[in-house]
Amino acid sequence: MATLSRDDVAHVAYLARLGLTDEELSRLEGQLNHILEQYAILARLDTEAIPPTAQTIELENILREDVVEPSFTAEEALANAPQREGDFILVPAIIGDD
């Protein structure tokens, strides 16, 4: 697998508008090449028998019983509404006939 040269790293840094020092360029060159080496190892793995998954652990919805409990009256819930119409909060239209 090809490796990145210092010039490659400097070019990508330039395109990303990153002002990197010589020390940062050297460190980044090593880190990026290490990542590419690790990717090459993973790319050699036979994954044909492994089905694609979006989640590696089982997920389970945790639901609770829907229990009716005392709540606000409509009057209490609407007490601080800037405008209302009956038992509804009145809000400005966001889609108009312009």
N, C-alpha and C. Protein backbone atom coordinates (compact mmCIF):
# COMPACT_ATOMS: atom_id res chain seq x y z
N MET A 1 0.85 -1.18 0.00
CA MET A 1 0.00 0.00 0.00
C MET A 1 0.89 1.24 0.00
N ALA A 2 0.50 2.23 -0.75
CA ALA A 2 1.27 3.46 -0.85
C ALA A 2 1.22 4.23 0.47
N THR A 3 2.29 4.94 0.73
CA THR A 3 2.32 5.77 1.94
C THR A 3 2.26 7.23 1.54
N LEU A 4 1.93 8.05 2.49
CA LEU A 4 1.87 9.49 2.25
C LEU A 4 3.23 10.10 2.51
N SER A 5 3.65 10.95 1.61
CA SER A 5 4.90 11.67 1.82
C SER A 5 4.62 12.94 2.61
N ARG A 6 5.67 13.57 3.07
CA ARG A 6 5.52 14.84 3.79
C ARG A 6 4.86 15.88 2.89
N ASP A 7 5.22 15.86 1.59
CA ASP A 7 4.60 16.80 0.65
C ASP A 7 3.10 16.54 0.50
N ASP A 8 2.70 15.25 0.52
CA ASP A 8 1.27 14.92 0.46
C ASP A 8 0.53 15.51 1.65
N VAL A 9 1.11 15.32 2.82
CA VAL A 9 0.49 15.83 4.05
C VAL A 9 0.43 17.36 4.02
N ALA A 10 1.50 17.99 3.58
CA ALA A 10 1.53 19.45 3.49
C ALA A 10 0.47 19.95 2.50
N HIS A 11 0.29 19.22 1.38
CA HIS A 11 -0.70 19.61 0.38
C HIS A 11 -2.12 19.51 0.95
N VAL A 12 -2.41 18.41 1.65
CA VAL A 12 -3.74 18.25 2.26
C VAL A 12 -3.97 19.32 3.32
N ALA A 13 -2.95 19.61 4.10
CA ALA A 13 -3.06 20.66 5.12
C ALA A 13 -3.34 22.01 4.45
N TYR A 14 -2.68 22.26 3.31
CA TYR A 14 -2.91 23.51 2.57
C TYR A 14 -4.36 23.58 2.08
N LEU A 15 -4.85 22.46 1.51
CA LEU A 15 -6.23 22.44 1.02
C LEU A 15 -7.24 22.64 2.13
N ALA A 16 -6.92 22.14 3.32
CA ALA A 16 -7.81 22.29 4.47
C ALA A 16 -7.59 23.61 5.20
N ARG A 17 -6.68 24.41 4.65
CA ARG A 17 -6.35 25.72 5.24
C ARG A 17 -5.84 25.58 6.67
N LEU A 18 -5.00 24.56 6.89
CA LEU A 18 -4.39 24.34 8.20
C LEU A 18 -2.98 24.88 8.16
N GLY A 19 -2.66 25.76 9.07
CA GLY A 19 -1.30 26.26 9.18
C GLY A 19 -0.52 25.39 10.14
N LEU A 20 0.18 24.39 9.61
CA LEU A 20 0.90 23.45 10.47
C LEU A 20 2.39 23.77 10.50
N THR A 21 2.99 23.57 11.65
CA THR A 21 4.44 23.76 11.77
C THR A 21 5.14 22.52 11.20
N ASP A 22 6.47 22.60 11.03
CA ASP A 22 7.24 21.45 10.55
C ASP A 22 7.08 20.26 11.48
N GLU A 23 7.08 20.54 12.77
CA GLU A 23 6.93 19.47 13.76
C GLU A 23 5.56 18.80 13.63
N GLU A 24 4.51 19.61 13.45
CA GLU A 24 3.17 19.06 13.30
C GLU A 24 3.04 18.25 12.01
N LEU A 25 3.66 18.75 10.93
CA LEU A 25 3.64 18.00 9.67
C LEU A 25 4.31 16.64 9.82
N SER A 26 5.43 16.60 10.50
CA SER A 26 6.14 15.33 10.71
C SER A 26 5.31 14.37 11.53
N ARG A 27 4.71 14.87 12.61
CA ARG A 27 3.90 14.03 13.48
C ARG A 27 2.68 13.52 12.71
N LEU A 28 2.04 14.40 11.96
CA LEU A 28 0.84 14.03 11.21
C LEU A 28 1.17 13.03 10.11
N GLU A 29 2.32 13.18 9.48
CA GLU A 29 2.74 12.22 8.45
C GLU A 29 2.83 10.81 9.05
N GLY A 30 3.46 10.69 10.20
CA GLY A 30 3.57 9.40 10.86
C GLY A 30 2.22 8.84 11.26
N GLN A 31 1.36 9.70 11.82
CA GLN A 31 0.05 9.24 12.28
C GLN A 31 -0.83 8.80 11.11
N LEU A 32 -0.83 9.57 10.04
CA LEU A 32 -1.66 9.20 8.89
C LEU A 32 -1.17 7.92 8.23
N ASN A 33 0.14 7.75 8.13
CA ASN A 33 0.67 6.51 7.56
C ASN A 33 0.36 5.31 8.45
N HIS A 34 0.37 5.51 9.75
CA HIS A 34 0.00 4.43 10.67
C HIS A 34 -1.46 4.04 10.46
N ILE A 35 -2.34 5.03 10.29
CA ILE A 35 -3.76 4.76 10.05
C ILE A 35 -3.92 3.97 8.75
N LEU A 36 -3.20 4.37 7.70
CA LEU A 36 -3.28 3.66 6.42
C LEU A 36 -2.78 2.22 6.55
N GLU A 37 -1.74 2.01 7.33
CA GLU A 37 -1.22 0.65 7.54
C GLU A 37 -2.26 -0.21 8.26
N GLN A 38 -2.92 0.36 9.26
CA GLN A 38 -3.94 -0.38 10.00
C GLN A 38 -5.13 -0.69 9.10
N TYR A 39 -5.49 0.25 8.25
CA TYR A 39 -6.59 0.03 7.31
C TYR A 39 -6.24 -1.11 6.36
N ALA A 40 -5.01 -1.15 5.88
CA ALA A 40 -4.59 -2.21 4.97
C ALA A 40 -4.72 -3.58 5.63
N ILE A 41 -4.40 -3.66 6.91
CA ILE A 41 -4.56 -4.92 7.64
C ILE A 41 -6.02 -5.32 7.70
N LEU A 42 -6.88 -4.36 8.02
CA LEU A 42 -8.32 -4.64 8.11
C LEU A 42 -8.90 -5.00 6.74
N ALA A 43 -8.39 -4.38 5.68
CA ALA A 43 -8.91 -4.64 4.33
C ALA A 43 -8.62 -6.07 3.88
N ARG A 44 -7.62 -6.72 4.46
CA ARG A 44 -7.28 -8.10 4.09
C ARG A 44 -8.17 -9.13 4.77
N LEU A 45 -8.95 -8.72 5.75
CA LEU A 45 -9.82 -9.66 6.46
C LEU A 45 -10.95 -10.15 5.56
N ASP A 46 -11.26 -11.44 5.68
CA ASP A 46 -12.36 -12.02 4.93
C ASP A 46 -13.65 -11.76 5.70
N THR A 47 -14.50 -10.92 5.15
CA THR A 47 -15.75 -10.55 5.83
C THR A 47 -16.97 -11.04 5.07
N GLU A 48 -16.77 -11.94 4.11
CA GLU A 48 -17.88 -12.44 3.29
C GLU A 48 -18.98 -13.09 4.13
N ALA A 49 -18.62 -13.82 5.17
CA ALA A 49 -19.60 -14.54 5.97
C ALA A 49 -20.22 -13.69 7.07
N ILE A 50 -19.81 -12.45 7.17
CA ILE A 50 -20.32 -11.57 8.22
C ILE A 50 -21.38 -10.65 7.62
N PRO A 51 -22.62 -10.76 8.12
CA PRO A 51 -23.68 -9.90 7.56
C PRO A 51 -23.45 -8.44 7.99
N PRO A 52 -23.80 -7.51 7.10
CA PRO A 52 -23.65 -6.09 7.47
C PRO A 52 -24.57 -5.74 8.62
N THR A 53 -24.06 -4.97 9.54
CA THR A 53 -24.85 -4.56 10.69
C THR A 53 -24.63 -3.09 10.97
N ALA A 54 -25.65 -2.45 11.49
CA ALA A 54 -25.52 -1.07 11.90
C ALA A 54 -25.30 -0.98 13.40
N GLN A 55 -25.62 -2.05 14.10
CA GLN A 55 -25.51 -2.07 15.55
C GLN A 55 -24.85 -3.38 15.96
N THR A 56 -23.83 -3.30 16.78
CA THR A 56 -23.11 -4.51 17.15
C THR A 56 -23.63 -5.15 18.43
N ILE A 57 -24.46 -4.44 19.16
CA ILE A 57 -25.06 -5.02 20.36
C ILE A 57 -26.58 -4.98 20.22
N GLU A 58 -27.23 -5.89 20.87
CA GLU A 58 -28.68 -5.94 20.81
C GLU A 58 -29.28 -4.73 21.54
N LEU A 59 -30.26 -4.12 20.91
CA LEU A 59 -30.96 -3.01 21.53
C LEU A 59 -32.37 -3.45 21.89
N GLU A 60 -32.88 -2.90 22.96
CA GLU A 60 -34.21 -3.25 23.41
C GLU A 60 -34.89 -1.98 23.90
N ASN A 61 -36.10 -1.74 23.42
CA ASN A 61 -36.85 -0.60 23.92
C ASN A 61 -37.32 -0.89 25.33
N ILE A 62 -37.12 0.06 26.19
CA ILE A 62 -37.59 -0.07 27.56
C ILE A 62 -38.83 0.81 27.68
N LEU A 63 -39.96 0.16 27.79
CA LEU A 63 -41.22 0.88 27.82
C LEU A 63 -41.83 0.79 29.20
N ARG A 64 -42.62 1.78 29.53
CA ARG A 64 -43.34 1.75 30.80
C ARG A 64 -44.83 1.77 30.49
N GLU A 65 -45.61 1.38 31.44
CA GLU A 65 -47.06 1.41 31.28
C GLU A 65 -47.52 2.85 31.10
N ASP A 66 -48.50 3.04 30.24
CA ASP A 66 -49.09 4.35 30.03
C ASP A 66 -50.18 4.52 31.08
N VAL A 67 -49.86 5.33 32.10
CA VAL A 67 -50.78 5.49 33.23
C VAL A 67 -51.33 6.91 33.23
N VAL A 68 -52.64 7.03 33.32
CA VAL A 68 -53.28 8.34 33.38
C VAL A 68 -53.10 8.88 34.79
N GLU A 69 -52.58 10.11 34.87
CA GLU A 69 -52.36 10.75 36.16
C GLU A 69 -52.95 12.16 36.10
N PRO A 70 -53.19 12.77 37.25
CA PRO A 70 -53.70 14.14 37.25
C PRO A 70 -52.72 15.07 36.53
N SER A 71 -53.27 16.04 35.82
CA SER A 71 -52.45 16.97 35.05
C SER A 71 -53.05 18.36 35.14
N PHE A 72 -52.45 19.29 34.39
CA PHE A 72 -52.97 20.66 34.36
C PHE A 72 -54.33 20.68 33.66
N THR A 73 -55.16 21.61 34.07
CA THR A 73 -56.38 21.88 33.31
C THR A 73 -55.97 22.69 32.09
N ALA A 74 -56.85 22.78 31.11
CA ALA A 74 -56.55 23.58 29.92
C ALA A 74 -56.28 25.03 30.32
N GLU A 75 -57.01 25.54 31.25
CA GLU A 75 -56.83 26.93 31.71
C GLU A 75 -55.45 27.13 32.32
N GLU A 76 -54.99 26.18 33.13
CA GLU A 76 -53.66 26.28 33.75
C GLU A 76 -52.55 26.16 32.69
N ALA A 77 -52.73 25.25 31.76
CA ALA A 77 -51.71 25.04 30.73
C ALA A 77 -51.59 26.25 29.82
N LEU A 78 -52.67 26.96 29.58
CA LEU A 78 -52.67 28.10 28.67
C LEU A 78 -52.50 29.44 29.37
N ALA A 79 -52.31 29.43 30.66
CA ALA A 79 -52.26 30.66 31.45
C ALA A 79 -51.16 31.61 30.98
N ASN A 80 -50.02 31.12 30.53
CA ASN A 80 -48.92 31.98 30.10
C ASN A 80 -48.80 32.11 28.59
N ALA A 81 -49.75 31.59 27.84
CA ALA A 81 -49.70 31.70 26.38
C ALA A 81 -49.90 33.15 25.98
N PRO A 82 -49.05 33.68 25.08
CA PRO A 82 -49.20 35.08 24.69
C PRO A 82 -50.53 35.35 23.98
N GLN A 83 -50.97 34.39 23.17
CA GLN A 83 -52.28 34.52 22.51
C GLN A 83 -52.93 33.14 22.49
N ARG A 84 -54.22 33.15 22.60
CA ARG A 84 -54.92 31.87 22.56
C ARG A 84 -56.25 32.04 21.88
N GLU A 85 -56.76 30.89 21.44
CA GLU A 85 -58.08 30.85 20.83
C GLU A 85 -58.77 29.62 21.39
N GLY A 86 -59.68 29.83 22.30
CA GLY A 86 -60.33 28.71 22.97
C GLY A 86 -59.31 27.96 23.82
N ASP A 87 -59.20 26.66 23.60
CA ASP A 87 -58.24 25.84 24.35
C ASP A 87 -56.95 25.60 23.57
N PHE A 88 -56.61 26.51 22.66
CA PHE A 88 -55.42 26.36 21.83
C PHE A 88 -54.52 27.58 21.93
N ILE A 89 -53.22 27.36 21.79
CA ILE A 89 -52.26 28.47 21.73
C ILE A 89 -52.27 28.98 20.30
N LEU A 90 -52.38 30.28 20.13
CA LEU A 90 -52.40 30.90 18.81
C LEU A 90 -50.98 31.35 18.47
N VAL A 91 -50.45 30.88 17.35
CA VAL A 91 -49.08 31.24 16.94
C VAL A 91 -49.11 31.84 15.55
N PRO A 92 -48.08 32.65 15.20
CA PRO A 92 -48.05 33.23 13.87
C PRO A 92 -47.86 32.15 12.80
N ALA A 93 -48.44 32.37 11.65
CA ALA A 93 -48.29 31.44 10.52
C ALA A 93 -46.84 31.49 10.03
N ILE A 94 -46.29 30.32 9.71
CA ILE A 94 -44.92 30.29 9.17
C ILE A 94 -44.92 29.99 7.68
N ILE A 95 -46.03 29.51 7.16
CA ILE A 95 -46.15 29.27 5.73
C ILE A 95 -47.33 30.10 5.27
N GLY A 96 -47.08 31.01 4.35
CA GLY A 96 -48.13 31.90 3.92
C GLY A 96 -48.41 31.77 2.43
N ASP A 97 -49.31 32.60 1.96
CA ASP A 97 -49.67 32.63 0.56
C ASP A 97 -48.93 33.76 -0.16
N ASP A 98 -47.64 33.89 0.08
CA ASP A 98 -46.88 34.99 -0.52
C ASP A 98 -46.62 34.77 -1.98
